PDB file of all heavy atoms in Angstrom:
ATOM      1  N   PRO A   1     -66.472-136.526-144.986  1.00  0.00           N
ATOM      2  CA  PRO A   1     -67.178-137.562-144.247  1.00  0.00           C
ATOM      3  C   PRO A   1     -67.433-138.843-145.030  1.00  0.00           C
ATOM      4  O   PRO A   1     -67.825-139.839-144.458  1.00  0.00           O
ATOM      5  CB  PRO A   1     -68.499-136.884-143.856  1.00  0.00           C
ATOM      6  CG  PRO A   1     -68.665-135.795-144.830  1.00  0.00           C
ATOM      7  CD  PRO A   1     -67.289-135.331-145.180  1.00  0.00           C
ATOM      8  N   GLY A   2     -67.258-138.852-146.349  1.00  0.00           N
ATOM      9  CA  GLY A   2     -67.450-140.075-147.118  1.00  0.00           C
ATOM     10  C   GLY A   2     -68.873-140.251-147.597  1.00  0.00           C
ATOM     11  O   GLY A   2     -69.757-139.435-147.345  1.00  0.00           O
ATOM     12  N   GLU A   3     -69.127-141.340-148.283  1.00  0.00           N
ATOM     13  CA  GLU A   3     -70.435-141.577-148.912  1.00  0.00           C
ATOM     14  C   GLU A   3     -71.528-141.769-147.872  1.00  0.00           C
ATOM     15  O   GLU A   3     -72.383-140.915-147.689  1.00  0.00           O
ATOM     16  CB  GLU A   3     -70.332-142.803-149.824  1.00  0.00           C
ATOM     17  CG  GLU A   3     -71.646-143.212-150.478  1.00  0.00           C
ATOM     18  CD  GLU A   3     -72.076-142.260-151.551  1.00  0.00           C
ATOM     19  OE1 GLU A   3     -71.248-141.504-152.037  1.00  0.00           O
ATOM     20  OE2 GLU A   3     -73.264-142.267-151.904  1.00  0.00           O
ATOM     21  N   LYS A   4     -71.531-142.896-147.169  1.00  0.00           N
ATOM     22  CA  LYS A   4     -72.481-143.181-146.103  1.00  0.00           C
ATOM     23  C   LYS A   4     -73.925-142.929-146.510  1.00  0.00           C
ATOM     24  O   LYS A   4     -74.780-142.663-145.679  1.00  0.00           O
ATOM     25  CB  LYS A   4     -72.142-142.353-144.856  1.00  0.00           C
ATOM     26  CG  LYS A   4     -70.759-142.580-144.295  1.00  0.00           C
ATOM     27  CD  LYS A   4     -70.523-141.712-143.072  1.00  0.00           C
ATOM     28  CE  LYS A   4     -69.100-141.829-142.566  1.00  0.00           C
ATOM     29  NZ  LYS A   4     -68.818-140.927-141.445  1.00  0.00           N
ATOM     30  N   LYS A   5     -74.210-142.925-147.816  1.00  0.00           N
ATOM     31  CA  LYS A   5     -75.562-142.690-148.342  1.00  0.00           C
ATOM     32  C   LYS A   5     -76.097-141.315-147.946  1.00  0.00           C
ATOM     33  O   LYS A   5     -77.304-141.071-147.933  1.00  0.00           O
ATOM     34  CB  LYS A   5     -76.525-143.779-147.857  1.00  0.00           C
ATOM     35  CG  LYS A   5     -76.142-145.176-148.326  1.00  0.00           C
ATOM     36  CD  LYS A   5     -77.157-146.198-147.887  1.00  0.00           C
ATOM     37  CE  LYS A   5     -78.463-145.985-148.607  1.00  0.00           C
ATOM     38  NZ  LYS A   5     -79.447-147.047-148.275  1.00  0.00           N
ATOM     39  N   LEU A   6     -75.191-140.373-147.627  1.00  0.00           N
ATOM     40  CA  LEU A   6     -75.642-139.061-147.166  1.00  0.00           C
ATOM     41  C   LEU A   6     -76.437-138.323-148.228  1.00  0.00           C
ATOM     42  O   LEU A   6     -77.426-137.656-147.920  1.00  0.00           O
ATOM     43  CB  LEU A   6     -74.420-138.226-146.746  1.00  0.00           C
ATOM     44  CG  LEU A   6     -73.622-138.768-145.571  1.00  0.00           C
ATOM     45  CD1 LEU A   6     -72.476-137.845-145.250  1.00  0.00           C
ATOM     46  CD2 LEU A   6     -74.503-138.944-144.363  1.00  0.00           C
ATOM     47  N   GLU A   7     -75.936-138.421-149.502  1.00  0.00           N
ATOM     48  CA  GLU A   7     -76.598-137.681-150.569  1.00  0.00           C
ATOM     49  C   GLU A   7     -77.974-138.255-150.891  1.00  0.00           C
ATOM     50  O   GLU A   7     -78.754-137.630-151.598  1.00  0.00           O
ATOM     51  CB  GLU A   7     -75.721-137.689-151.826  1.00  0.00           C
ATOM     52  CG  GLU A   7     -74.432-136.890-151.710  1.00  0.00           C
ATOM     53  CD  GLU A   7     -73.330-137.662-151.043  1.00  0.00           C
ATOM     54  OE1 GLU A   7     -73.578-138.812-150.629  1.00  0.00           O
ATOM     55  OE2 GLU A   7     -72.218-137.119-150.913  1.00  0.00           O
ATOM     56  N   GLN A   8     -78.269-139.446-150.420  1.00  0.00           N
ATOM     57  CA  GLN A   8     -79.550-140.097-150.753  1.00  0.00           C
ATOM     58  C   GLN A   8     -80.572-139.964-149.643  1.00  0.00           C
ATOM     59  O   GLN A   8     -81.690-140.399-149.777  1.00  0.00           O
ATOM     60  CB  GLN A   8     -79.302-141.585-151.068  1.00  0.00           C
ATOM     61  CG  GLN A   8     -78.302-141.819-152.187  1.00  0.00           C
ATOM     62  CD  GLN A   8     -77.960-143.290-152.350  1.00  0.00           C
ATOM     63  OE1 GLN A   8     -78.701-144.157-151.929  1.00  0.00           O
ATOM     64  NE2 GLN A   8     -76.836-143.565-152.973  1.00  0.00           N
ATOM     65  N   ASP A   9     -80.236-139.417-148.542  1.00  0.00           N
ATOM     66  CA  ASP A   9     -81.145-139.424-147.404  1.00  0.00           C
ATOM     67  C   ASP A   9     -81.045-138.124-146.618  1.00  0.00           C
ATOM     68  O   ASP A   9     -80.128-137.938-145.820  1.00  0.00           O
ATOM     69  CB  ASP A   9     -80.814-140.607-146.498  1.00  0.00           C
ATOM     70  CG  ASP A   9     -81.896-140.874-145.468  1.00  0.00           C
ATOM     71  OD1 ASP A   9     -82.672-139.957-145.156  1.00  0.00           O
ATOM     72  OD2 ASP A   9     -81.958-142.003-144.975  1.00  0.00           O
ATOM     73  N   ARG A  10     -81.975-137.211-146.809  1.00  0.00           N
ATOM     74  CA  ARG A  10     -81.973-135.932-146.110  1.00  0.00           C
ATOM     75  C   ARG A  10     -82.023-136.122-144.593  1.00  0.00           C
ATOM     76  O   ARG A  10     -81.383-135.398-143.837  1.00  0.00           O
ATOM     77  CB  ARG A  10     -83.183-135.099-146.544  1.00  0.00           C
ATOM     78  CG  ARG A  10     -83.103-134.557-147.952  1.00  0.00           C
ATOM     79  CD  ARG A  10     -84.374-133.764-148.260  1.00  0.00           C
ATOM     80  NE  ARG A  10     -84.343-133.256-149.616  1.00  0.00           N
ATOM     81  CZ  ARG A  10     -83.838-132.073-149.957  1.00  0.00           C
ATOM     82  NH1 ARG A  10     -83.321-131.309-149.015  1.00  0.00           N
ATOM     83  NH2 ARG A  10     -83.847-131.684-151.205  1.00  0.00           N
ATOM     84  N   ARG A  11     -82.795-137.082-144.168  1.00  0.00           N
ATOM     85  CA  ARG A  11     -82.968-137.291-142.736  1.00  0.00           C
ATOM     86  C   ARG A  11     -81.642-137.642-142.073  1.00  0.00           C
ATOM     87  O   ARG A  11     -81.329-137.151-140.985  1.00  0.00           O
ATOM     88  CB  ARG A  11     -83.995-138.400-142.483  1.00  0.00           C
ATOM     89  CG  ARG A  11     -84.254-138.669-140.994  1.00  0.00           C
ATOM     90  CD  ARG A  11     -85.256-139.805-140.816  1.00  0.00           C
ATOM     91  NE  ARG A  11     -84.766-141.017-141.458  1.00  0.00           N
ATOM     92  CZ  ARG A  11     -83.869-141.831-140.911  1.00  0.00           C
ATOM     93  NH1 ARG A  11     -83.331-141.539-139.733  1.00  0.00           N
ATOM     94  NH2 ARG A  11     -83.480-142.918-141.537  1.00  0.00           N
ATOM     95  N   VAL A  12     -80.856-138.497-142.735  1.00  0.00           N
ATOM     96  CA  VAL A  12     -79.567-138.898-142.170  1.00  0.00           C
ATOM     97  C   VAL A  12     -78.639-137.699-142.059  1.00  0.00           C
ATOM     98  O   VAL A  12     -77.951-137.500-141.058  1.00  0.00           O
ATOM     99  CB  VAL A  12     -78.922-140.006-143.027  1.00  0.00           C
ATOM    100  CG1 VAL A  12     -77.509-140.305-142.543  1.00  0.00           C
ATOM    101  CG2 VAL A  12     -79.769-141.270-142.993  1.00  0.00           C
ATOM    102  N   ILE A  13     -78.635-136.854-143.131  1.00  0.00           N
ATOM    103  CA  ILE A  13     -77.765-135.678-143.124  1.00  0.00           C
ATOM    104  C   ILE A  13     -78.179-134.712-142.025  1.00  0.00           C
ATOM    105  O   ILE A  13     -77.337-134.210-141.269  1.00  0.00           O
ATOM    106  CB  ILE A  13     -77.789-134.969-144.487  1.00  0.00           C
ATOM    107  CG1 ILE A  13     -77.180-135.875-145.556  1.00  0.00           C
ATOM    108  CG2 ILE A  13     -77.024-133.651-144.423  1.00  0.00           C
ATOM    109  CD1 ILE A  13     -77.122-135.239-146.932  1.00  0.00           C
ATOM    110  N   ARG A  14     -79.482-134.457-141.922  1.00  0.00           N
ATOM    111  CA  ARG A  14     -79.950-133.510-140.906  1.00  0.00           C
ATOM    112  C   ARG A  14     -79.646-134.015-139.494  1.00  0.00           C
ATOM    113  O   ARG A  14     -79.316-133.232-138.598  1.00  0.00           O
ATOM    114  CB  ARG A  14     -81.447-133.276-141.076  1.00  0.00           C
ATOM    115  CG  ARG A  14     -81.761-132.382-142.284  1.00  0.00           C
ATOM    116  CD  ARG A  14     -83.230-132.328-142.567  1.00  0.00           C
ATOM    117  NE  ARG A  14     -83.494-131.405-143.666  1.00  0.00           N
ATOM    118  CZ  ARG A  14     -84.574-131.450-144.432  1.00  0.00           C
ATOM    119  NH1 ARG A  14     -85.491-132.383-144.218  1.00  0.00           N
ATOM    120  NH2 ARG A  14     -84.743-130.583-145.400  1.00  0.00           N
ATOM    121  N   SER A  15     -79.752-135.324-139.306  1.00  0.00           N
ATOM    122  CA  SER A  15     -79.427-135.896-138.012  1.00  0.00           C
ATOM    123  C   SER A  15     -77.949-135.707-137.694  1.00  0.00           C
ATOM    124  O   SER A  15     -77.582-135.349-136.566  1.00  0.00           O
ATOM    125  CB  SER A  15     -79.777-137.390-137.999  1.00  0.00           C
ATOM    126  OG  SER A  15     -79.383-137.985-136.788  1.00  0.00           O
ATOM    127  N   ARG A  16     -77.100-135.922-138.693  1.00  0.00           N
ATOM    128  CA  ARG A  16     -75.667-135.750-138.494  1.00  0.00           C
ATOM    129  C   ARG A  16     -75.321-134.283-138.255  1.00  0.00           C
ATOM    130  O   ARG A  16     -74.480-133.957-137.412  1.00  0.00           O
ATOM    131  CB  ARG A  16     -74.911-136.277-139.718  1.00  0.00           C
ATOM    132  CG  ARG A  16     -73.394-136.113-139.646  1.00  0.00           C
ATOM    133  CD  ARG A  16     -72.796-136.824-138.458  1.00  0.00           C
ATOM    134  NE  ARG A  16     -71.337-136.687-138.429  1.00  0.00           N
ATOM    135  CZ  ARG A  16     -70.599-136.862-137.352  1.00  0.00           C
ATOM    136  NH1 ARG A  16     -71.168-137.187-136.187  1.00  0.00           N
ATOM    137  NH2 ARG A  16     -69.287-136.732-137.412  1.00  0.00           N
ATOM    138  N   VAL A  17     -75.981-133.367-138.985  1.00  0.00           N
ATOM    139  CA  VAL A  17     -75.758-131.938-138.799  1.00  0.00           C
ATOM    140  C   VAL A  17     -76.108-131.528-137.372  1.00  0.00           C
ATOM    141  O   VAL A  17     -75.364-130.779-136.722  1.00  0.00           O
ATOM    142  CB  VAL A  17     -76.580-131.110-139.814  1.00  0.00           C
ATOM    143  CG1 VAL A  17     -76.628-129.641-139.398  1.00  0.00           C
ATOM    144  CG2 VAL A  17     -75.988-131.241-141.209  1.00  0.00           C
ATOM    145  N   ALA A  18     -77.241-132.038-136.875  1.00  0.00           N
ATOM    146  CA  ALA A  18     -77.653-131.719-135.506  1.00  0.00           C
ATOM    147  C   ALA A  18     -76.623-132.226-134.492  1.00  0.00           C
ATOM    148  O   ALA A  18     -76.301-131.545-133.512  1.00  0.00           O
ATOM    149  CB  ALA A  18     -79.019-132.322-135.215  1.00  0.00           C
ATOM    150  N   GLN A  19     -76.088-133.430-134.743  1.00  0.00           N
ATOM    151  CA  GLN A  19     -75.079-133.989-133.852  1.00  0.00           C
ATOM    152  C   GLN A  19     -73.804-133.151-133.868  1.00  0.00           C
ATOM    153  O   GLN A  19     -73.210-132.879-132.820  1.00  0.00           O
ATOM    154  CB  GLN A  19     -74.767-135.432-134.260  1.00  0.00           C
ATOM    155  CG  GLN A  19     -73.701-136.085-133.388  1.00  0.00           C
ATOM    156  CD  GLN A  19     -73.338-137.479-133.861  1.00  0.00           C
ATOM    157  OE1 GLN A  19     -74.008-138.039-134.727  1.00  0.00           O
ATOM    158  NE2 GLN A  19     -72.273-138.038-133.313  1.00  0.00           N
ATOM    159  N   LEU A  20     -73.397-132.720-135.072  1.00  0.00           N
ATOM    160  CA  LEU A  20     -72.190-131.894-135.189  1.00  0.00           C
ATOM    161  C   LEU A  20     -72.357-130.578-134.460  1.00  0.00           C
ATOM    162  O   LEU A  20     -71.426-130.088-133.810  1.00  0.00           O
ATOM    163  CB  LEU A  20     -71.864-131.645-136.663  1.00  0.00           C
ATOM    164  CG  LEU A  20     -71.346-132.843-137.457  1.00  0.00           C
ATOM    165  CD1 LEU A  20     -71.249-132.495-138.943  1.00  0.00           C
ATOM    166  CD2 LEU A  20     -69.985-133.287-136.936  1.00  0.00           C
ATOM    167  N   ARG A  21     -73.548-129.993-134.567  1.00  0.00           N
ATOM    168  CA  ARG A  21     -73.798-128.715-133.880  1.00  0.00           C
ATOM    169  C   ARG A  21     -73.707-128.893-132.365  1.00  0.00           C
ATOM    170  O   ARG A  21     -73.188-128.020-131.658  1.00  0.00           O
ATOM    171  CB  ARG A  21     -75.168-128.161-134.274  1.00  0.00           C
ATOM    172  CG  ARG A  21     -75.247-127.670-135.717  1.00  0.00           C
ATOM    173  CD  ARG A  21     -76.514-126.867-135.949  1.00  0.00           C
ATOM    174  NE  ARG A  21     -76.621-126.422-137.325  1.00  0.00           N
ATOM    175  CZ  ARG A  21     -75.992-125.376-137.832  1.00  0.00           C
ATOM    176  NH1 ARG A  21     -75.185-124.658-137.060  1.00  0.00           N
ATOM    177  NH2 ARG A  21     -76.161-125.038-139.095  1.00  0.00           N
ATOM    178  N   ARG A  22     -74.193-130.024-131.863  1.00  0.00           N
ATOM    179  CA  ARG A  22     -74.096-130.267-130.413  1.00  0.00           C
ATOM    180  C   ARG A  22     -72.640-130.413-129.993  1.00  0.00           C
ATOM    181  O   ARG A  22     -72.229-129.901-128.941  1.00  0.00           O
ATOM    182  CB  ARG A  22     -74.894-131.526-130.047  1.00  0.00           C
ATOM    183  CG  ARG A  22     -76.411-131.345-130.104  1.00  0.00           C
ATOM    184  CD  ARG A  22     -77.125-132.504-129.435  1.00  0.00           C
ATOM    185  NE  ARG A  22     -76.870-133.774-130.111  1.00  0.00           N
ATOM    186  CZ  ARG A  22     -77.612-134.249-131.106  1.00  0.00           C
ATOM    187  NH1 ARG A  22     -78.666-133.562-131.536  1.00  0.00           N
ATOM    188  NH2 ARG A  22     -77.334-135.413-131.654  1.00  0.00           N
ATOM    189  N   GLU A  23     -71.872-131.133-130.793  1.00  0.00           N
ATOM    190  CA  GLU A  23     -70.456-131.321-130.459  1.00  0.00           C
ATOM    191  C   GLU A  23     -69.709-129.989-130.523  1.00  0.00           C
ATOM    192  O   GLU A  23     -68.821-129.721-129.697  1.00  0.00           O
ATOM    193  CB  GLU A  23     -69.822-132.331-131.414  1.00  0.00           C
ATOM    194  CG  GLU A  23     -70.362-133.751-131.239  1.00  0.00           C
ATOM    195  CD  GLU A  23     -69.700-134.731-132.182  1.00  0.00           C
ATOM    196  OE1 GLU A  23     -68.565-134.467-132.612  1.00  0.00           O
ATOM    197  OE2 GLU A  23     -70.320-135.775-132.497  1.00  0.00           O
ATOM    198  N   LEU A  24     -70.062-129.155-131.501  1.00  0.00           N
ATOM    199  CA  LEU A  24     -69.404-127.855-131.610  1.00  0.00           C
ATOM    200  C   LEU A  24     -69.796-126.937-130.464  1.00  0.00           C
ATOM    201  O   LEU A  24     -69.015-126.081-130.053  1.00  0.00           O
ATOM    202  CB  LEU A  24     -69.747-127.200-132.952  1.00  0.00           C
ATOM    203  CG  LEU A  24     -68.967-127.733-134.157  1.00  0.00           C
ATOM    204  CD1 LEU A  24     -69.509-127.137-135.453  1.00  0.00           C
ATOM    205  CD2 LEU A  24     -67.482-127.421-134.019  1.00  0.00           C
ATOM    206  N   GLU A  25     -71.020-127.100-129.930  1.00  0.00           N
ATOM    207  CA  GLU A  25     -71.428-126.306-128.768  1.00  0.00           C
ATOM    208  C   GLU A  25     -70.528-126.612-127.567  1.00  0.00           C
ATOM    209  O   GLU A  25     -70.188-125.719-126.788  1.00  0.00           O
ATOM    210  CB  GLU A  25     -72.893-126.595-128.426  1.00  0.00           C
ATOM    211  CG  GLU A  25     -73.882-125.951-129.391  1.00  0.00           C
ATOM    212  CD  GLU A  25     -75.318-126.300-129.059  1.00  0.00           C
ATOM    213  OE1 GLU A  25     -75.534-127.011-128.029  1.00  0.00           O
ATOM    214  OE2 GLU A  25     -76.224-125.892-129.800  1.00  0.00           O
ATOM    215  N   ASP A  26     -70.140-127.889-127.434  1.00  0.00           N
ATOM    216  CA  ASP A  26     -69.219-128.253-126.348  1.00  0.00           C
ATOM    217  C   ASP A  26     -67.864-127.582-126.561  1.00  0.00           C
ATOM    218  O   ASP A  26     -67.222-127.132-125.599  1.00  0.00           O
ATOM    219  CB  ASP A  26     -69.050-129.769-126.285  1.00  0.00           C
ATOM    220  CG  ASP A  26     -70.328-130.481-125.869  1.00  0.00           C
ATOM    221  OD1 ASP A  26     -71.176-129.842-125.226  1.00  0.00           O
ATOM    222  OD2 ASP A  26     -70.482-131.683-126.198  1.00  0.00           O
ATOM    223  N   VAL A  27     -67.431-127.531-127.822  1.00  0.00           N
ATOM    224  CA  VAL A  27     -66.168-126.886-128.142  1.00  0.00           C
ATOM    225  C   VAL A  27     -66.238-125.399-127.821  1.00  0.00           C
ATOM    226  O   VAL A  27     -65.301-124.813-127.280  1.00  0.00           O
ATOM    227  CB  VAL A  27     -65.798-127.094-129.621  1.00  0.00           C
ATOM    228  CG1 VAL A  27     -64.548-126.295-129.984  1.00  0.00           C
ATOM    229  CG2 VAL A  27     -65.567-128.568-129.908  1.00  0.00           C
ATOM    230  N   VAL A  28     -67.378-124.781-128.158  1.00  0.00           N
ATOM    231  CA  VAL A  28     -67.570-123.357-127.894  1.00  0.00           C
ATOM    232  C   VAL A  28     -67.519-123.093-126.387  1.00  0.00           C
ATOM    233  O   VAL A  28     -66.922-122.113-125.930  1.00  0.00           O
ATOM    234  CB  VAL A  28     -68.909-122.868-128.482  1.00  0.00           C
ATOM    235  CG1 VAL A  28     -69.220-121.448-128.004  1.00  0.00           C
ATOM    236  CG2 VAL A  28     -68.868-122.903-130.002  1.00  0.00           C
ATOM    237  N   THR A  29     -68.138-123.978-125.610  1.00  0.00           N
ATOM    238  CA  THR A  29     -68.110-123.831-124.148  1.00  0.00           C
ATOM    239  C   THR A  29     -66.680-123.875-123.633  1.00  0.00           C
ATOM    240  O   THR A  29     -66.277-123.058-122.792  1.00  0.00           O
ATOM    241  CB  THR A  29     -68.930-124.948-123.486  1.00  0.00           C
ATOM    242  OG1 THR A  29     -70.283-124.875-123.939  1.00  0.00           O
ATOM    243  CG2 THR A  29     -68.901-124.803-121.968  1.00  0.00           C
ATOM    244  N   HIS A  30     -65.886-124.813-124.151  1.00  0.00           N
ATOM    245  CA  HIS A  30     -64.476-124.901-123.750  1.00  0.00           C
ATOM    246  C   HIS A  30     -63.713-123.652-124.175  1.00  0.00           C
ATOM    247  O   HIS A  30     -62.877-123.137-123.424  1.00  0.00           O
ATOM    248  CB  HIS A  30     -63.844-126.145-124.378  1.00  0.00           C
ATOM    249  CG  HIS A  30     -62.373-126.270-124.102  1.00  0.00           C
ATOM    250  ND1 HIS A  30     -61.873-126.622-122.867  1.00  0.00           N
ATOM    251  CD2 HIS A  30     -61.292-126.061-124.908  1.00  0.00           C
ATOM    252  CE1 HIS A  30     -60.548-126.637-122.914  1.00  0.00           C
ATOM    253  NE2 HIS A  30     -60.162-126.307-124.132  1.00  0.00           N
ATOM    254  N   ARG A  31     -64.016-123.146-125.368  1.00  0.00           N
ATOM    255  CA  ARG A  31     -63.337-121.954-125.860  1.00  0.00           C
ATOM    256  C   ARG A  31     -63.670-120.748-124.972  1.00  0.00           C
ATOM    257  O   ARG A  31     -62.813-119.910-124.701  1.00  0.00           O
ATOM    258  CB  ARG A  31     -63.759-121.672-127.314  1.00  0.00           C
ATOM    259  CG  ARG A  31     -62.980-120.524-127.951  1.00  0.00           C
ATOM    260  CD  ARG A  31     -63.567-120.190-129.316  1.00  0.00           C
ATOM    261  NE  ARG A  31     -63.422-121.300-130.231  1.00  0.00           N
ATOM    262  CZ  ARG A  31     -62.319-121.576-130.908  1.00  0.00           C
ATOM    263  NH1 ARG A  31     -61.254-120.822-130.738  1.00  0.00           N
ATOM    264  NH2 ARG A  31     -62.260-122.595-131.740  1.00  0.00           N
ATOM    265  N   GLU A  32     -64.926-120.667-124.524  1.00  0.00           N
ATOM    266  CA  GLU A  32     -65.316-119.552-123.667  1.00  0.00           C
ATOM    267  C   GLU A  32     -64.601-119.618-122.325  1.00  0.00           C
ATOM    268  O   GLU A  32     -64.216-118.585-121.761  1.00  0.00           O
ATOM    269  CB  GLU A  32     -66.835-119.560-123.469  1.00  0.00           C
ATOM    270  CG  GLU A  32     -67.610-119.155-124.719  1.00  0.00           C
ATOM    271  CD  GLU A  32     -69.106-119.247-124.522  1.00  0.00           C
ATOM    272  OE1 GLU A  32     -69.520-119.813-123.477  1.00  0.00           O
ATOM    273  OE2 GLU A  32     -69.859-118.779-125.403  1.00  0.00           O
ATOM    274  N   LEU A  33     -64.400-120.817-121.793  1.00  0.00           N
ATOM    275  CA  LEU A  33     -63.667-120.952-120.544  1.00  0.00           C
ATOM    276  C   LEU A  33     -62.218-120.507-120.718  1.00  0.00           C
ATOM    277  O   LEU A  33     -61.652-119.832-119.851  1.00  0.00           O
ATOM    278  CB  LEU A  33     -63.709-122.415-120.069  1.00  0.00           C
ATOM    279  CG  LEU A  33     -65.064-122.929-119.572  1.00  0.00           C
ATOM    280  CD1 LEU A  33     -64.988-124.417-119.275  1.00  0.00           C
ATOM    281  CD2 LEU A  33     -65.509-122.162-118.338  1.00  0.00           C
ATOM    282  N   THR A  34     -61.623-120.890-121.858  1.00  0.00           N
ATOM    283  CA  THR A  34     -60.255-120.462-122.143  1.00  0.00           C
ATOM    284  C   THR A  34     -60.189-118.948-122.268  1.00  0.00           C
ATOM    285  O   THR A  34     -59.251-118.305-121.780  1.00  0.00           O
ATOM    286  CB  THR A  34     -59.748-121.116-123.432  1.00  0.00           C
ATOM    287  OG1 THR A  34     -59.839-122.534-123.311  1.00  0.00           O
ATOM    288  CG2 THR A  34     -58.307-120.728-123.718  1.00  0.00           C
ATOM    289  N   ARG A  35     -61.197-118.371-122.929  1.00  0.00           N
ATOM    290  CA  ARG A  35     -61.225-116.925-123.116  1.00  0.00           C
ATOM    291  C   ARG A  35     -61.361-116.208-121.769  1.00  0.00           C
ATOM    292  O   ARG A  35     -60.734-115.181-121.531  1.00  0.00           O
ATOM    293  CB  ARG A  35     -62.380-116.543-124.040  1.00  0.00           C
ATOM    294  CG  ARG A  35     -62.417-115.059-124.412  1.00  0.00           C
ATOM    295  CD  ARG A  35     -63.635-114.737-125.247  1.00  0.00           C
ATOM    296  NE  ARG A  35     -63.652-115.523-126.469  1.00  0.00           N
ATOM    297  CZ  ARG A  35     -64.665-116.296-126.847  1.00  0.00           C
ATOM    298  NH1 ARG A  35     -65.740-116.409-126.088  1.00  0.00           N
ATOM    299  NH2 ARG A  35     -64.606-116.962-127.982  1.00  0.00           N
ATOM    300  N   LYS A  36     -62.196-116.759-120.883  1.00  0.00           N
ATOM    301  CA  LYS A  36     -62.357-116.156-119.560  1.00  0.00           C
ATOM    302  C   LYS A  36     -61.047-116.214-118.785  1.00  0.00           C
ATOM    303  O   LYS A  36     -60.729-115.299-118.016  1.00  0.00           O
ATOM    304  CB  LYS A  36     -63.464-116.873-118.786  1.00  0.00           C
ATOM    305  CG  LYS A  36     -64.865-116.558-119.308  1.00  0.00           C
ATOM    306  CD  LYS A  36     -65.926-117.296-118.513  1.00  0.00           C
ATOM    307  CE  LYS A  36     -67.321-116.968-119.048  1.00  0.00           C
ATOM    308  NZ  LYS A  36     -68.378-117.714-118.306  1.00  0.00           N
ATOM    309  N   GLY A  37     -60.281-117.300-118.994  1.00  0.00           N
ATOM    310  CA  GLY A  37     -58.982-117.388-118.345  1.00  0.00           C
ATOM    311  C   GLY A  37     -58.048-116.292-118.823  1.00  0.00           C
ATOM    312  O   GLY A  37     -57.295-115.710-118.042  1.00  0.00           O
ATOM    313  N   ARG A  38     -58.113-115.987-120.124  1.00  0.00           N
ATOM    314  CA  ARG A  38     -57.291-114.899-120.657  1.00  0.00           C
ATOM    315  C   ARG A  38     -57.759-113.554-120.116  1.00  0.00           C
ATOM    316  O   ARG A  38     -56.955-112.689-119.770  1.00  0.00           O
ATOM    317  CB  ARG A  38     -57.359-114.904-122.186  1.00  0.00           C
ATOM    318  CG  ARG A  38     -56.751-116.128-122.832  1.00  0.00           C
ATOM    319  CD  ARG A  38     -56.433-115.865-124.283  1.00  0.00           C
ATOM    320  NE  ARG A  38     -57.586-115.519-125.078  1.00  0.00           N
ATOM    321  CZ  ARG A  38     -58.258-116.390-125.832  1.00  0.00           C
ATOM    322  NH1 ARG A  38     -57.888-117.658-125.864  1.00  0.00           N
ATOM    323  NH2 ARG A  38     -59.291-116.008-126.540  1.00  0.00           N
ATOM    324  N   GLU A  39     -59.087-113.373-120.072  1.00  0.00           N
ATOM    325  CA  GLU A  39     -59.625-112.100-119.596  1.00  0.00           C
ATOM    326  C   GLU A  39     -59.271-111.872-118.134  1.00  0.00           C
ATOM    327  O   GLU A  39     -59.090-110.735-117.697  1.00  0.00           O
ATOM    328  CB  GLU A  39     -61.141-112.080-119.795  1.00  0.00           C
ATOM    329  CG  GLU A  39     -61.551-112.026-121.271  1.00  0.00           C
ATOM    330  CD  GLU A  39     -63.057-112.168-121.443  1.00  0.00           C
ATOM    331  OE1 GLU A  39     -63.745-112.482-120.433  1.00  0.00           O
ATOM    332  OE2 GLU A  39     -63.541-111.995-122.584  1.00  0.00           O
ATOM    333  N   ALA A  40     -59.161-112.971-117.370  1.00  0.00           N
ATOM    334  CA  ALA A  40     -58.810-112.833-115.945  1.00  0.00           C
ATOM    335  C   ALA A  40     -57.420-112.259-115.784  1.00  0.00           C
ATOM    336  O   ALA A  40     -57.106-111.640-114.768  1.00  0.00           O
ATOM    337  CB  ALA A  40     -58.910-114.196-115.265  1.00  0.00           C
ATOM    338  N   GLY A  41     -56.584-112.456-116.789  1.00  0.00           N
ATOM    339  CA  GLY A  41     -55.242-111.900-116.732  1.00  0.00           C
ATOM    340  C   GLY A  41     -55.176-110.452-117.143  1.00  0.00           C
ATOM    341  O   GLY A  41     -54.128-109.820-117.016  1.00  0.00           O
ATOM    342  N   ASP A  42     -56.265-109.899-117.625  1.00  0.00           N
ATOM    343  CA  ASP A  42     -56.354-108.483-118.008  1.00  0.00           C
ATOM    344  C   ASP A  42     -55.306-108.084-119.044  1.00  0.00           C
ATOM    345  O   ASP A  42     -54.806-106.956-119.026  1.00  0.00           O
ATOM    346  CB  ASP A  42     -56.222-107.574-116.777  1.00  0.00           C
ATOM    347  CG  ASP A  42     -57.421-107.692-115.854  1.00  0.00           C
ATOM    348  OD1 ASP A  42     -58.555-107.698-116.368  1.00  0.00           O
ATOM    349  OD2 ASP A  42     -57.226-107.794-114.638  1.00  0.00           O
TER     350      ASP A  42
END
């Protein structure tokens, strides 16, 4: 991710971590839909 003063500011890092987790939750939702499509094929 680069410098972005991340190592100097805990708040900035935690905010970015929270954002990444939200984005990954969307990915997980998409993955679950794909998995359900596979399961439908038995």
